[in-house]
Amino acid sequence: MKLTIGIVGATGAVGQKMIEILIERKIPVKELRLFASEKSAGKIVQFKDRQIEVELLTKEAMEEKYDYLLFAAGGKISEEFGPIAAKAGNMVIDNSSHFRMVENIPLVVPEINGHILKGYRGIIANPNCSTTQMLMAIGPIYKKYGIKRIVVSTYQAVSGSGYKAIEELNMQMKDENYPNKVYIRKICGNCIPHIDVFNENGFTKEELKMVYETHKILGDDSIEINPTAVRIPVIYGHSESIYLELNEEVNLQEIRDLLKGSEGIIVEDEPEENKYPTPLDVAGSDFTYVGRIRRDIFNPRALSLWVVADNLRKGAATNAIQIIEKIENIKMEG
């Protein structure tokens, strides 16, 4: 069945990726409608052999009928227009953080907990990009062994902050005196251990998202999670160093075999050949890449992983499109 799909925030970095991925993954689109603010309304966007004019986002437009509405325009827009669209009977997939921790709104990584979408209608939340790629890597391990504790450090690309952040990095690479506009410190040649605002407990909002979203997606609040989120001068691709304490002793070959057999994961872990994933390697891919798999020297129940994924794709746009695929597959299965 061909689908009517709308994208809110269609001219932004994630919205543009959503359009690309609809084509790449051959989603059967009957009609695609694109929405944005007054600043972008009227622009022409190419979709396959069609030219589509970007419409102004209005309440009336959200009250019309769609099979799916994808939101990629930030929390305030989602808060205002998401409930309007859902009340009209539409399936809303929201990429902002606004609905993620709302009770009874599913927070979904299809490969990990997509089963909860069966029979559901309404708003579906897309997780934070860092949470998504971490759970892709540790989800299979959690299901088999159980996880007691996670210590994770993220190294996040500037594209996670949007087009203006990419421009800032590119300009600073050309001109060392180009001012900081997006970031409070110079990003070129630097690492900034500060993403989003600081909480009273010393963790940033970005870091706490990884804690609470992981608990919700896995349905397990007992997992201890200690995150540090760092912005680095890379354009596409988030990297994560993940330390896991399991409930059982680690067998590395079992872990590697488990990950190799898991949907959406590519294992690149041959240190003797210097094979491991990097952001440049994975840009443009929908997979989550895992390497540097090794057991803790002192704790036989602990191991470390290096995990890399394209933050605009699996971390945002691809995951949203995969939610559509998951729902459509559930319908076909009856």
Protein backbone atom coordinates (compact mmCIF):
# COMPACT_ATOMS: atom_id res chain seq x y z
CA MET A 1 0.00 0.00 0.00
CA LYS A 2 1.37 3.40 -0.92
CA LEU A 3 1.66 5.91 1.90
CA THR A 4 0.92 9.59 2.44
CA ILE A 5 3.78 11.03 4.47
CA GLY A 6 4.44 14.50 5.83
CA ILE A 7 7.75 15.86 7.13
CA VAL A 8 7.76 18.80 9.55
CA GLY A 9 11.11 20.59 9.50
CA ALA A 10 11.78 19.33 6.01
CA THR A 11 14.56 21.80 5.18
CA GLY A 12 16.69 21.08 8.27
CA ALA A 13 19.58 18.62 8.49
CA VAL A 14 17.47 15.72 9.79
CA GLY A 15 14.48 16.54 7.59
CA GLN A 16 16.67 16.48 4.49
CA LYS A 17 18.09 13.10 5.53
CA MET A 18 14.55 11.77 6.01
CA ILE A 19 13.78 12.66 2.39
CA GLU A 20 16.95 10.92 1.18
CA ILE A 21 16.26 7.80 3.22
CA LEU A 22 12.65 7.50 2.05
CA ILE A 23 14.12 7.16 -1.45
CA GLU A 24 17.03 4.90 -0.51
CA ARG A 25 14.93 2.44 1.49
CA LYS A 26 12.24 2.42 -1.22
CA ILE A 27 9.37 3.44 1.04
CA PRO A 28 6.20 3.31 -1.11
CA VAL A 29 5.26 7.00 -1.01
CA LYS A 30 2.04 8.01 -2.74
CA GLU A 31 2.19 11.63 -1.59
CA LEU A 32 4.93 13.52 0.24
CA ARG A 33 4.17 16.86 1.86
CA LEU A 34 6.90 19.03 3.31
CA PHE A 35 6.42 21.65 6.03
CA ALA A 36 8.64 24.35 7.52
CA SER A 37 8.58 27.87 8.96
CA GLU A 38 7.89 31.06 7.03
CA LYS A 39 11.63 31.35 6.36
CA SER A 40 11.68 28.14 4.30
CA ALA A 41 8.11 27.94 3.01
CA GLY A 42 8.01 28.16 -0.77
CA LYS A 43 11.35 26.45 -1.34
CA ILE A 44 11.40 23.63 -3.91
CA VAL A 45 12.74 20.20 -2.86
CA GLN A 46 13.48 17.36 -5.27
CA PHE A 47 11.97 13.97 -4.42
CA LYS A 48 12.63 11.28 -7.02
CA ASP A 49 11.24 12.74 -10.26
CA ARG A 50 9.02 15.25 -8.46
CA GLN A 51 9.57 18.81 -7.35
CA ILE A 52 7.74 19.51 -4.10
CA GLU A 53 7.08 22.99 -2.73
CA VAL A 54 7.65 23.36 1.00
CA GLU A 55 4.45 24.44 2.76
CA LEU A 56 4.04 26.69 5.77
CA LEU A 57 3.39 24.64 8.90
CA THR A 58 -0.14 25.35 10.18
CA LYS A 59 -2.64 23.81 12.56
CA GLU A 60 -4.99 23.14 9.65
CA ALA A 61 -2.33 21.22 7.74
CA MET A 62 -1.71 18.98 10.76
CA GLU A 63 -5.42 18.20 11.05
CA GLU A 64 -5.43 16.61 7.60
CA LYS A 65 -4.99 12.85 7.10
CA TYR A 66 -1.58 11.20 6.71
CA ASP A 67 -0.32 7.68 7.17
CA TYR A 68 2.73 9.10 8.94
CA LEU A 69 3.94 12.53 10.02
CA LEU A 70 7.66 12.84 10.75
CA PHE A 71 8.68 15.72 13.03
CA ALA A 72 12.24 17.06 12.80
CA ALA A 73 11.81 20.67 13.84
CA GLY A 74 12.63 20.82 17.55
CA GLY A 75 10.77 20.39 20.81
CA LYS A 76 8.64 23.55 20.76
CA ILE A 77 7.19 22.72 17.34
CA SER A 78 6.57 19.11 18.38
CA GLU A 79 4.89 20.23 21.59
CA GLU A 80 2.53 22.55 19.72
CA PHE A 81 1.71 20.57 16.58
CA GLY A 82 2.34 16.93 17.50
CA PRO A 83 -0.79 16.53 19.66
CA ILE A 84 -2.90 18.28 17.00
CA ALA A 85 -1.75 15.77 14.38
CA ALA A 86 -2.23 12.81 16.70
CA LYS A 87 -5.73 13.96 17.71
CA ALA A 88 -6.64 13.97 14.02
CA GLY A 89 -5.77 10.26 13.93
CA ASN A 90 -2.30 10.52 12.44
CA MET A 91 0.76 8.45 13.37
CA VAL A 92 3.38 10.94 14.55
CA ILE A 93 7.09 10.02 14.77
CA ASP A 94 8.90 12.77 16.65
CA ASN A 95 12.66 13.27 16.60
CA SER A 96 12.75 15.87 19.39
CA SER A 97 13.24 15.11 23.08
CA HIS A 98 9.84 16.51 24.05
CA PHE A 99 7.82 13.27 24.24
CA ARG A 100 10.58 10.77 25.03
CA MET A 101 9.95 10.42 28.72
CA VAL A 102 6.17 10.91 28.61
CA GLU A 103 4.35 7.93 30.06
CA ASN A 104 2.44 5.79 27.53
CA ILE A 105 4.32 7.31 24.58
CA PRO A 106 6.63 4.61 23.16
CA LEU A 107 10.33 5.41 22.81
CA VAL A 108 11.54 3.11 20.06
CA VAL A 109 14.65 1.62 18.51
CA PRO A 110 12.95 -0.88 16.16
CA GLU A 111 15.63 -3.57 16.44
CA ILE A 112 15.50 -3.43 20.26
CA ASN A 113 11.88 -2.83 21.29
CA GLY A 114 9.89 -2.44 18.06
CA HIS A 115 7.40 -5.09 19.24
CA ILE A 116 5.73 -2.51 21.50
CA LEU A 117 4.35 -0.75 18.39
CA LYS A 118 1.83 -3.52 17.70
CA GLY A 119 -1.66 -2.04 17.77
CA TYR A 120 -0.40 1.41 18.76
CA ARG A 121 -1.62 4.71 17.32
CA GLY A 122 -0.53 8.18 18.27
CA ILE A 123 2.83 9.82 18.98
CA ILE A 124 6.02 7.75 18.86
CA ALA A 125 9.28 9.21 20.16
CA ASN A 126 12.63 8.77 18.41
CA PRO A 127 15.46 8.43 20.98
CA ASN A 128 18.50 10.64 21.30
CA CYS A 129 21.14 9.77 18.70
CA SER A 130 23.71 8.72 21.31
CA THR A 131 21.20 6.52 23.12
CA THR A 132 20.16 4.84 19.87
CA GLN A 133 23.62 3.76 18.76
CA MET A 134 24.58 2.64 22.28
CA LEU A 135 21.48 0.48 22.56
CA MET A 136 22.04 -1.00 19.12
CA ALA A 137 25.39 -2.28 20.39
CA ILE A 138 24.51 -3.27 23.94
CA GLY A 139 20.88 -4.36 23.44
CA PRO A 140 21.73 -7.89 22.28
CA ILE A 141 24.27 -8.21 25.11
CA TYR A 142 21.70 -7.06 27.66
CA LYS A 143 19.12 -9.60 26.46
CA LYS A 144 21.58 -12.50 26.72
CA TYR A 145 23.70 -11.65 29.75
CA GLY A 146 22.05 -8.78 31.61
CA ILE A 147 23.92 -5.52 32.34
CA LYS A 148 24.67 -4.16 35.80
CA ARG A 149 26.57 -0.99 34.94
CA ILE A 150 27.45 1.17 31.91
CA VAL A 151 30.19 3.80 31.73
CA VAL A 152 29.99 5.60 28.39
CA SER A 153 31.89 8.52 26.87
CA THR A 154 30.53 9.98 23.64
CA TYR A 155 32.50 11.86 20.99
CA GLN A 156 29.82 13.65 19.02
CA ALA A 157 29.96 15.25 15.58
CA VAL A 158 28.98 18.88 15.04
CA SER A 159 26.17 17.89 12.64
CA GLY A 160 24.24 16.95 15.77
CA SER A 161 23.92 20.70 16.34
CA GLY A 162 22.62 21.43 12.83
CA TYR A 163 23.80 23.19 9.69
CA LYS A 164 25.10 26.27 11.51
CA ALA A 165 27.48 24.14 13.57
CA ILE A 166 28.86 22.50 10.42
CA GLU A 167 29.39 25.95 8.93
CA GLU A 168 31.13 27.12 12.12
CA LEU A 169 33.60 24.23 12.05
CA ASN A 170 34.29 24.66 8.33
CA MET A 171 34.84 28.41 8.72
CA GLN A 172 37.15 27.98 11.72
CA MET A 173 39.22 25.48 9.73
CA LYS A 174 39.79 28.25 7.16
CA ASP A 175 40.03 31.20 9.55
CA GLU A 176 41.28 30.70 13.11
CA ASN A 177 39.70 34.02 14.12
CA TYR A 178 36.18 33.04 13.02
CA PRO A 179 33.99 33.66 16.10
CA ASN A 180 32.15 31.04 18.17
CA LYS A 181 28.43 31.30 17.45
CA VAL A 182 26.97 27.84 18.02
CA TYR A 183 29.44 26.66 20.68
CA ILE A 184 30.70 28.53 23.74
CA ARG A 185 34.27 27.41 22.98
CA LYS A 186 36.12 27.13 19.70
CA ILE A 187 35.31 23.72 18.16
CA CYS A 188 38.07 23.54 15.53
CA GLY A 189 41.02 21.60 16.92
CA ASN A 190 39.24 21.18 20.24
CA CYS A 191 37.07 18.86 22.36
CA ILE A 192 34.24 20.38 24.39
CA PRO A 193 32.92 18.24 27.31
CA HIS A 194 29.64 20.15 27.34
CA ILE A 195 26.53 19.25 25.29
CA ASP A 196 23.27 20.94 26.33
CA VAL A 197 22.80 22.57 29.74
CA PHE A 198 24.28 21.43 33.04
CA ASN A 199 22.06 19.87 35.70
CA GLU A 200 22.47 20.50 39.43
CA ASN A 201 24.16 17.09 39.77
CA GLY A 202 26.94 18.11 37.36
CA PHE A 203 25.71 16.03 34.41
CA THR A 204 24.47 17.71 31.25
CA LYS A 205 20.98 17.26 29.86
CA GLU A 206 22.47 15.28 26.96
CA GLU A 207 24.13 12.89 29.39
CA LEU A 208 21.00 12.39 31.47
CA LYS A 209 19.02 11.60 28.30
CA MET A 210 21.22 8.54 27.86
CA VAL A 211 20.42 7.40 31.40
CA TYR A 212 16.65 7.83 31.39
CA GLU A 213 16.06 6.82 27.75
CA THR A 214 18.07 3.62 28.20
CA HIS A 215 16.02 2.71 31.27
CA LYS A 216 12.77 3.32 29.40
CA ILE A 217 13.69 1.44 26.20
CA LEU A 218 15.07 -1.60 28.01
CA GLY A 219 12.38 -1.42 30.71
CA ASP A 220 15.02 -1.74 33.42
CA ASP A 221 15.74 1.07 35.89
CA SER A 222 18.28 -1.03 37.78
CA ILE A 223 21.09 -0.45 35.26
CA GLU A 224 23.67 2.00 36.59
CA ILE A 225 24.74 4.42 33.83
CA ASN A 226 27.53 7.00 34.03
CA PRO A 227 27.82 9.09 30.82
CA THR A 228 30.14 11.87 29.63
CA ALA A 229 29.21 13.65 26.38
CA VAL A 230 31.88 15.45 24.38
CA ARG A 231 31.60 17.51 21.17
CA ILE A 232 34.50 16.99 18.76
CA PRO A 233 35.50 18.60 15.42
CA VAL A 234 34.02 15.89 13.20
CA ILE A 235 31.17 16.65 10.78
CA TYR A 236 29.30 13.33 10.62
CA GLY A 237 29.38 10.31 12.90
CA HIS A 238 29.21 9.92 16.67
CA SER A 239 31.67 7.64 18.46
CA GLU A 240 31.25 6.04 21.87
CA SER A 241 33.60 4.29 24.27
CA ILE A 242 31.39 1.92 26.29
CA TYR A 243 32.34 -0.07 29.39
CA LEU A 244 29.87 -2.74 30.51
CA GLU A 245 29.65 -4.75 33.71
CA LEU A 246 27.53 -7.86 33.02
CA ASN A 247 25.76 -10.29 35.30
CA GLU A 248 27.85 -13.18 33.93
CA GLU A 249 31.48 -13.81 33.06
CA VAL A 250 32.40 -12.55 29.60
CA ASN A 251 33.26 -14.85 26.69
CA LEU A 252 34.58 -12.56 23.96
CA GLN A 253 33.96 -14.94 21.09
CA GLU A 254 30.34 -15.36 22.18
CA ILE A 255 29.99 -11.57 22.35
CA ARG A 256 31.44 -11.14 18.85
CA ASP A 257 29.25 -13.89 17.41
CA LEU A 258 26.19 -12.41 19.12
CA LEU A 259 26.83 -8.95 17.68
CA LYS A 260 27.65 -10.29 14.21
CA GLY A 261 24.29 -12.06 14.17
CA SER A 262 22.32 -9.02 15.36
CA GLU A 263 20.24 -6.88 13.01
CA GLY A 264 21.74 -3.53 12.05
CA ILE A 265 25.23 -4.17 13.43
CA ILE A 266 28.56 -4.54 11.63
CA VAL A 267 31.50 -5.81 13.66
CA GLU A 268 34.91 -4.46 12.64
CA ASP A 269 37.23 -5.85 15.28
CA GLU A 270 40.58 -7.03 13.99
CA PRO A 271 43.17 -5.08 15.99
CA GLU A 272 46.04 -7.09 14.51
CA GLU A 273 45.01 -5.64 11.12
CA ASN A 274 44.25 -2.18 12.57
CA LYS A 275 40.57 -2.69 11.70
CA TYR A 276 38.08 -0.72 13.78
CA PRO A 277 35.35 1.78 12.83
CA THR A 278 35.83 5.54 12.62
CA PRO A 279 33.39 8.37 11.80
CA LEU A 280 34.80 8.82 8.30
CA ASP A 281 34.26 5.11 7.62
CA VAL A 282 30.60 5.05 8.64
CA ALA A 283 29.29 8.39 7.30
CA GLY A 284 26.32 7.69 5.04
CA SER A 285 25.63 4.23 6.50
CA ASP A 286 22.50 3.06 8.32
CA PHE A 287 24.44 0.47 10.34
CA THR A 288 25.94 0.69 13.82
CA TYR A 289 29.60 -0.37 13.84
CA VAL A 290 31.32 -2.08 16.78
CA GLY A 291 35.03 -2.63 17.32
CA ARG A 292 37.75 -2.73 20.00
CA ILE A 293 35.85 -5.51 21.82
CA ARG A 294 37.95 -6.53 24.81
CA ARG A 295 37.54 -7.95 28.29
CA ASP A 296 38.39 -5.93 31.36
CA ILE A 297 41.88 -6.85 32.61
CA PHE A 298 40.69 -7.08 36.22
CA ASN A 299 36.99 -7.92 36.10
CA PRO A 300 35.97 -11.14 34.23
CA ARG A 301 32.35 -9.89 34.02
CA ALA A 302 33.24 -6.62 32.27
CA LEU A 303 34.16 -5.59 28.73
CA SER A 304 34.73 -2.50 26.59
CA LEU A 305 33.39 -1.60 23.14
CA TRP A 306 34.04 1.14 20.59
CA VAL A 307 30.79 2.05 18.78
CA VAL A 308 30.37 4.40 15.80
CA ALA A 309 27.28 5.41 13.78
CA ASP A 310 26.11 8.19 11.49
CA ASN A 311 24.21 10.45 13.88
CA LEU A 312 21.92 11.96 11.24
CA ARG A 313 20.99 8.55 9.87
CA LYS A 314 20.66 5.72 12.42
CA GLY A 315 20.85 8.33 15.17
CA ALA A 316 17.85 10.24 13.82
CA ALA A 317 16.35 10.02 10.31
CA THR A 318 16.92 6.34 9.55
CA ASN A 319 15.53 5.23 12.90
CA ALA A 320 12.36 7.22 12.20
CA ILE A 321 11.94 5.62 8.77
CA GLN A 322 12.62 2.19 10.27
CA ILE A 323 9.75 2.81 12.69
CA ILE A 324 7.48 3.19 9.64
CA GLU A 325 8.89 -0.05 8.21
CA LYS A 326 8.36 -1.85 11.51
CA ILE A 327 4.72 -0.75 11.78
CA GLU A 328 4.00 -1.71 8.18
CA ASN A 329 5.62 -5.13 8.72
CA ILE A 330 3.53 -5.69 11.84
CA LYS A 331 0.39 -4.91 9.83
CA MET A 332 1.40 -7.38 7.11
CA GLU A 333 2.02 -10.08 9.70
CA GLY A 334 -1.52 -9.55 10.98
